[in-house]
Amino acid sequence: MIIPIRCFSCGKPIAHLWKTYKEKIQQGKEPGQVLDELGLEKACCRAMFLGQVDLLNLVNKFKKF
């Protein structure tokens, strides 16, 4: 739901790059090119970004106990 602070596999800090990634994707750039620009070279870090789905707005609609 929320991008983790560090990559689960290698431990590299990645959360600070999420906002920049989303902005560049919305501008129409290719995801692979954006990941290269951000310095995410390892497959595990790239998978964290490419596999991320923003569900926070959907989850917030449900009643909390």
PDB file of N, CA and C in Angstrom:
ATOM      1  N   MET A   1       0.815  -1.200   0.000  1.00  0.00           N
ATOM      2  CA  MET A   1       0.000   0.000   0.000  1.00  0.00           C
ATOM      3  C   MET A   1       0.852   1.254   0.000  1.00  0.00           C
ATOM      4  N   ILE A   2       1.809   1.303   0.893  1.00  0.00           N
ATOM      5  CA  ILE A   2       2.698   2.463   0.979  1.00  0.00           C
ATOM      6  C   ILE A   2       4.099   1.979   0.641  1.00  0.00           C
ATOM      7  N   ILE A   3       4.816   2.745  -0.134  1.00  0.00           N
ATOM      8  CA  ILE A   3       6.164   2.343  -0.531  1.00  0.00           C
ATOM      9  C   ILE A   3       7.026   2.188   0.718  1.00  0.00           C
ATOM     10  N   PRO A   4       7.751   1.079   0.853  1.00  0.00           N
ATOM     11  CA  PRO A   4       8.582   0.884   2.042  1.00  0.00           C
ATOM     12  C   PRO A   4       9.789   1.833   2.055  1.00  0.00           C
ATOM     13  N   ILE A   5      10.306   2.060   3.231  1.00  0.00           N
ATOM     14  CA  ILE A   5      11.466   2.937   3.387  1.00  0.00           C
ATOM     15  C   ILE A   5      12.684   2.361   2.666  1.00  0.00           C
ATOM     16  N   ARG A   6      12.886   1.074   2.820  1.00  0.00           N
ATOM     17  CA  ARG A   6      14.036   0.397   2.215  1.00  0.00           C
ATOM     18  C   ARG A   6      13.566  -0.762   1.348  1.00  0.00           C
ATOM     19  N   CYS A   7      14.385  -1.118   0.386  1.00  0.00           N
ATOM     20  CA  CYS A   7      14.114  -2.282  -0.444  1.00  0.00           C
ATOM     21  C   CYS A   7      14.138  -3.525   0.438  1.00  0.00           C
ATOM     22  N   PHE A   8      13.179  -4.416   0.244  1.00  0.00           N
ATOM     23  CA  PHE A   8      13.106  -5.618   1.077  1.00  0.00           C
ATOM     24  C   PHE A   8      14.299  -6.538   0.864  1.00  0.00           C
ATOM     25  N   SER A   9      14.856  -6.565  -0.332  1.00  0.00           N
ATOM     26  CA  SER A   9      15.933  -7.502  -0.639  1.00  0.00           C
ATOM     27  C   SER A   9      17.320  -6.978  -0.297  1.00  0.00           C
ATOM     28  N   CYS A  10      17.650  -5.788  -0.779  1.00  0.00           N
ATOM     29  CA  CYS A  10      19.020  -5.294  -0.615  1.00  0.00           C
ATOM     30  C   CYS A  10      19.169  -4.256   0.495  1.00  0.00           C
ATOM     31  N   GLY A  11      18.071  -3.661   0.936  1.00  0.00           N
ATOM     32  CA  GLY A  11      18.138  -2.699   2.029  1.00  0.00           C
ATOM     33  C   GLY A  11      18.450  -1.270   1.620  1.00  0.00           C
ATOM     34  N   LYS A  12      18.470  -0.988   0.328  1.00  0.00           N
ATOM     35  CA  LYS A  12      18.760   0.370  -0.140  1.00  0.00           C
ATOM     36  C   LYS A  12      17.577   1.291   0.160  1.00  0.00           C
ATOM     37  N   PRO A  13      17.810   2.490   0.694  1.00  0.00           N
ATOM     38  CA  PRO A  13      16.705   3.435   0.919  1.00  0.00           C
ATOM     39  C   PRO A  13      16.088   3.866  -0.418  1.00  0.00           C
ATOM     40  N   ILE A  14      14.754   3.727  -0.534  1.00  0.00           N
ATOM     41  CA  ILE A  14      14.093   4.037  -1.796  1.00  0.00           C
ATOM     42  C   ILE A  14      12.882   4.950  -1.634  1.00  0.00           C
ATOM     43  N   ALA A  15      12.369   5.114  -0.437  1.00  0.00           N
ATOM     44  CA  ALA A  15      11.119   5.851  -0.238  1.00  0.00           C
ATOM     45  C   ALA A  15      11.228   7.309  -0.663  1.00  0.00           C
ATOM     46  N   HIS A  16      12.390   7.906  -0.511  1.00  0.00           N
ATOM     47  CA  HIS A  16      12.548   9.314  -0.863  1.00  0.00           C
ATOM     48  C   HIS A  16      12.460   9.551  -2.372  1.00  0.00           C
ATOM     49  N   LEU A  17      12.543   8.498  -3.171  1.00  0.00           N
ATOM     50  CA  LEU A  17      12.490   8.614  -4.623  1.00  0.00           C
ATOM     51  C   LEU A  17      11.073   8.460  -5.176  1.00  0.00           C
ATOM     52  N   TRP A  18      10.136   8.024  -4.347  1.00  0.00           N
ATOM     53  CA  TRP A  18       8.788   7.716  -4.821  1.00  0.00           C
ATOM     54  C   TRP A  18       8.061   8.934  -5.402  1.00  0.00           C
ATOM     55  N   LYS A  19       8.122  10.053  -4.729  1.00  0.00           N
ATOM     56  CA  LYS A  19       7.415  11.253  -5.192  1.00  0.00           C
ATOM     57  C   LYS A  19       7.958  11.706  -6.553  1.00  0.00           C
ATOM     58  N   THR A  20       9.257  11.714  -6.697  1.00  0.00           N
ATOM     59  CA  THR A  20       9.877  12.100  -7.973  1.00  0.00           C
ATOM     60  C   THR A  20       9.478  11.124  -9.073  1.00  0.00           C
ATOM     61  N   TYR A  21       9.458   9.852  -8.750  1.00  0.00           N
ATOM     62  CA  TYR A  21       9.068   8.824  -9.715  1.00  0.00           C
ATOM     63  C   TYR A  21       7.644   9.060 -10.208  1.00  0.00           C
ATOM     64  N   LYS A  22       6.706   9.277  -9.293  1.00  0.00           N
ATOM     65  CA  LYS A  22       5.310   9.487  -9.666  1.00  0.00           C
ATOM     66  C   LYS A  22       5.141  10.748 -10.516  1.00  0.00           C
ATOM     67  N   GLU A  23       5.859  11.819 -10.178  1.00  0.00           N
ATOM     68  CA  GLU A  23       5.766  13.061 -10.941  1.00  0.00           C
ATOM     69  C   GLU A  23       6.241  12.863 -12.377  1.00  0.00           C
ATOM     70  N   LYS A  24       7.356  12.162 -12.546  1.00  0.00           N
ATOM     71  CA  LYS A  24       7.899  11.964 -13.891  1.00  0.00           C
ATOM     72  C   LYS A  24       7.032  11.023 -14.716  1.00  0.00           C
ATOM     73  N   ILE A  25       6.410  10.048 -14.078  1.00  0.00           N
ATOM     74  CA  ILE A  25       5.505   9.140 -14.782  1.00  0.00           C
ATOM     75  C   ILE A  25       4.273   9.901 -15.266  1.00  0.00           C
ATOM     76  N   GLN A  26       3.766  10.809 -14.436  1.00  0.00           N
ATOM     77  CA  GLN A  26       2.604  11.601 -14.820  1.00  0.00           C
ATOM     78  C   GLN A  26       2.921  12.568 -15.961  1.00  0.00           C
ATOM     79  N   GLN A  27       4.192  12.939 -16.104  1.00  0.00           N
ATOM     80  CA  GLN A  27       4.608  13.796 -17.212  1.00  0.00           C
ATOM     81  C   GLN A  27       4.701  13.019 -18.524  1.00  0.00           C
ATOM     82  N   GLY A  28       4.590  11.692 -18.451  1.00  0.00           N
ATOM     83  CA  GLY A  28       4.576  10.877 -19.658  1.00  0.00           C
ATOM     84  C   GLY A  28       5.872  10.155 -19.963  1.00  0.00           C
ATOM     85  N   LYS A  29       6.811  10.133 -19.050  1.00  0.00           N
ATOM     86  CA  LYS A  29       8.069   9.432 -19.299  1.00  0.00           C
ATOM     87  C   LYS A  29       7.892   7.926 -19.089  1.00  0.00           C
ATOM     88  N   GLU A  30       8.763   7.156 -19.727  1.00  0.00           N
ATOM     89  CA  GLU A  30       8.749   5.703 -19.594  1.00  0.00           C
ATOM     90  C   GLU A  30       9.233   5.308 -18.201  1.00  0.00           C
ATOM     91  N   PRO A  31       8.582   4.323 -17.548  1.00  0.00           N
ATOM     92  CA  PRO A  31       9.001   3.915 -16.206  1.00  0.00           C
ATOM     93  C   PRO A  31      10.452   3.449 -16.129  1.00  0.00           C
ATOM     94  N   GLY A  32      10.903   2.688 -17.110  1.00  0.00           N
ATOM     95  CA  GLY A  32      12.279   2.207 -17.100  1.00  0.00           C
ATOM     96  C   GLY A  32      13.294   3.337 -17.175  1.00  0.00           C
ATOM     97  N   GLN A  33      12.997   4.329 -17.990  1.00  0.00           N
ATOM     98  CA  GLN A  33      13.883   5.477 -18.132  1.00  0.00           C
ATOM     99  C   GLN A  33      13.936   6.283 -16.831  1.00  0.00           C
ATOM    100  N   VAL A  34      12.793   6.434 -16.178  1.00  0.00           N
ATOM    101  CA  VAL A  34      12.740   7.177 -14.913  1.00  0.00           C
ATOM    102  C   VAL A  34      13.536   6.449 -13.840  1.00  0.00           C
ATOM    103  N   LEU A  35      13.407   5.134 -13.782  1.00  0.00           N
ATOM    104  CA  LEU A  35      14.162   4.360 -12.789  1.00  0.00           C
ATOM    105  C   LEU A  35      15.665   4.480 -13.026  1.00  0.00           C
ATOM    106  N   ASP A  36      16.065   4.513 -14.287  1.00  0.00           N
ATOM    107  CA  ASP A  36      17.482   4.716 -14.605  1.00  0.00           C
ATOM    108  C   ASP A  36      17.957   6.088 -14.134  1.00  0.00           C
ATOM    109  N   GLU A  37      17.144   7.115 -14.358  1.00  0.00           N
ATOM    110  CA  GLU A  37      17.503   8.476 -13.942  1.00  0.00           C
ATOM    111  C   GLU A  37      17.623   8.590 -12.419  1.00  0.00           C
ATOM    112  N   LEU A  38      16.796   7.833 -11.701  1.00  0.00           N
ATOM    113  CA  LEU A  38      16.813   7.884 -10.241  1.00  0.00           C
ATOM    114  C   LEU A  38      17.931   7.036  -9.637  1.00  0.00           C
ATOM    115  N   GLY A  39      18.610   6.257 -10.467  1.00  0.00           N
ATOM    116  CA  GLY A  39      19.725   5.456  -9.981  1.00  0.00           C
ATOM    117  C   GLY A  39      19.327   4.102  -9.430  1.00  0.00           C
ATOM    118  N   LEU A  40      18.149   3.634  -9.777  1.00  0.00           N
ATOM    119  CA  LEU A  40      17.707   2.311  -9.336  1.00  0.00           C
ATOM    120  C   LEU A  40      18.112   1.294 -10.385  1.00  0.00           C
ATOM    121  N   GLU A  41      19.231   0.633 -10.144  1.00  0.00           N
ATOM    122  CA  GLU A  41      19.789  -0.289 -11.118  1.00  0.00           C
ATOM    123  C   GLU A  41      19.481  -1.743 -10.808  1.00  0.00           C
ATOM    124  N   LYS A  42      19.346  -2.074  -9.533  1.00  0.00           N
ATOM    125  CA  LYS A  42      19.103  -3.457  -9.150  1.00  0.00           C
ATOM    126  C   LYS A  42      17.655  -3.847  -9.440  1.00  0.00           C
ATOM    127  N   ALA A  43      17.484  -5.100  -9.834  1.00  0.00           N
ATOM    128  CA  ALA A  43      16.152  -5.592 -10.182  1.00  0.00           C
ATOM    129  C   ALA A  43      15.211  -5.580  -8.981  1.00  0.00           C
ATOM    130  N   CYS A  44      15.726  -5.799  -7.787  1.00  0.00           N
ATOM    131  CA  CYS A  44      14.862  -5.837  -6.609  1.00  0.00           C
ATOM    132  C   CYS A  44      14.283  -4.452  -6.311  1.00  0.00           C
ATOM    133  N   CYS A  45      15.075  -3.410  -6.438  1.00  0.00           N
ATOM    134  CA  CYS A  45      14.601  -2.048  -6.196  1.00  0.00           C
ATOM    135  C   CYS A  45      13.626  -1.613  -7.287  1.00  0.00           C
ATOM    136  N   ARG A  46      13.921  -1.981  -8.517  1.00  0.00           N
ATOM    137  CA  ARG A  46      13.035  -1.635  -9.625  1.00  0.00           C
ATOM    138  C   ARG A  46      11.685  -2.318  -9.463  1.00  0.00           C
ATOM    139  N   ALA A  47      11.705  -3.556  -8.987  1.00  0.00           N
ATOM    140  CA  ALA A  47      10.464  -4.300  -8.782  1.00  0.00           C
ATOM    141  C   ALA A  47       9.610  -3.669  -7.687  1.00  0.00           C
ATOM    142  N   MET A  48      10.252  -3.075  -6.679  1.00  0.00           N
ATOM    143  CA  MET A  48       9.500  -2.413  -5.612  1.00  0.00           C
ATOM    144  C   MET A  48       8.687  -1.251  -6.182  1.00  0.00           C
ATOM    145  N   PHE A  49       9.243  -0.528  -7.136  1.00  0.00           N
ATOM    146  CA  PHE A  49       8.549   0.611  -7.741  1.00  0.00           C
ATOM    147  C   PHE A  49       7.518   0.149  -8.775  1.00  0.00           C
ATOM    148  N   LEU A  50       7.898  -0.780  -9.627  1.00  0.00           N
ATOM    149  CA  LEU A  50       6.999  -1.212 -10.693  1.00  0.00           C
ATOM    150  C   LEU A  50       5.829  -2.032 -10.165  1.00  0.00           C
ATOM    151  N   GLY A  51       6.015  -2.703  -9.044  1.00  0.00           N
ATOM    152  CA  GLY A  51       4.955  -3.524  -8.470  1.00  0.00           C
ATOM    153  C   GLY A  51       4.085  -2.800  -7.464  1.00  0.00           C
ATOM    154  N   GLN A  52       4.377  -1.547  -7.203  1.00  0.00           N
ATOM    155  CA  GLN A  52       3.639  -0.763  -6.206  1.00  0.00           C
ATOM    156  C   GLN A  52       2.266  -0.358  -6.745  1.00  0.00           C
ATOM    157  N   VAL A  53       1.230  -0.560  -5.939  1.00  0.00           N
ATOM    158  CA  VAL A  53      -0.125  -0.142  -6.291  1.00  0.00           C
ATOM    159  C   VAL A  53      -0.617   0.770  -5.176  1.00  0.00           C
ATOM    160  N   ASP A  54      -1.076   1.968  -5.524  1.00  0.00           N
ATOM    161  CA  ASP A  54      -1.582   2.911  -4.531  1.00  0.00           C
ATOM    162  C   ASP A  54      -2.996   2.525  -4.112  1.00  0.00           C
ATOM    163  N   LEU A  55      -3.118   1.916  -2.958  1.00  0.00           N
ATOM    164  CA  LEU A  55      -4.416   1.495  -2.446  1.00  0.00           C
ATOM    165  C   LEU A  55      -4.856   2.314  -1.243  1.00  0.00           C
ATOM    166  N   LEU A  56      -4.076   3.288  -0.852  1.00  0.00           N
ATOM    167  CA  LEU A  56      -4.363   4.037   0.364  1.00  0.00           C
ATOM    168  C   LEU A  56      -5.709   4.750   0.292  1.00  0.00           C
ATOM    169  N   ASN A  57      -6.031   5.370  -0.835  1.00  0.00           N
ATOM    170  CA  ASN A  57      -7.323   6.057  -0.973  1.00  0.00           C
ATOM    171  C   ASN A  57      -8.481   5.071  -0.908  1.00  0.00           C
ATOM    172  N   LEU A  58      -8.316   3.891  -1.463  1.00  0.00           N
ATOM    173  CA  LEU A  58      -9.359   2.873  -1.425  1.00  0.00           C
ATOM    174  C   LEU A  58      -9.563   2.355  -0.009  1.00  0.00           C
ATOM    175  N   VAL A  59      -8.496   2.120   0.712  1.00  0.00           N
ATOM    176  CA  VAL A  59      -8.576   1.591   2.073  1.00  0.00           C
ATOM    177  C   VAL A  59      -9.181   2.613   3.022  1.00  0.00           C
ATOM    178  N   ASN A  60      -8.936   3.879   2.785  1.00  0.00           N
ATOM    179  CA  ASN A  60      -9.467   4.933   3.654  1.00  0.00           C
ATOM    180  C   ASN A  60     -10.988   5.040   3.607  1.00  0.00           C
ATOM    181  N   LYS A  61     -11.630   4.504   2.582  1.00  0.00           N
ATOM    182  CA  LYS A  61     -13.080   4.572   2.457  1.00  0.00           C
ATOM    183  C   LYS A  61     -13.793   3.658   3.455  1.00  0.00           C
ATOM    184  N   PHE A  62     -13.118   2.623   3.931  1.00  0.00           N
ATOM    185  CA  PHE A  62     -13.749   1.649   4.798  1.00  0.00           C
ATOM    186  C   PHE A  62     -13.755   2.111   6.257  1.00  0.00           C
ATOM    187  N   LYS A  63     -14.720   1.650   6.987  1.00  0.00           N
ATOM    188  CA  LYS A  63     -14.892   2.027   8.385  1.00  0.00           C
ATOM    189  C   LYS A  63     -13.761   1.447   9.220  1.00  0.00           C
ATOM    190  N   LYS A  64     -13.278   2.247  10.144  1.00  0.00           N
ATOM    191  CA  LYS A  64     -12.214   1.804  11.039  1.00  0.00           C
ATOM    192  C   LYS A  64     -12.844   1.442  12.385  1.00  0.00           C
ATOM    193  N   PHE A  65     -12.338   0.412  13.000  1.00  0.00           N
ATOM    194  CA  PHE A  65     -12.886  -0.021  14.288  1.00  0.00           C
ATOM    195  C   PHE A  65     -12.137   0.543  15.438  1.00  0.00           C
TER     196      PHE A  65
END
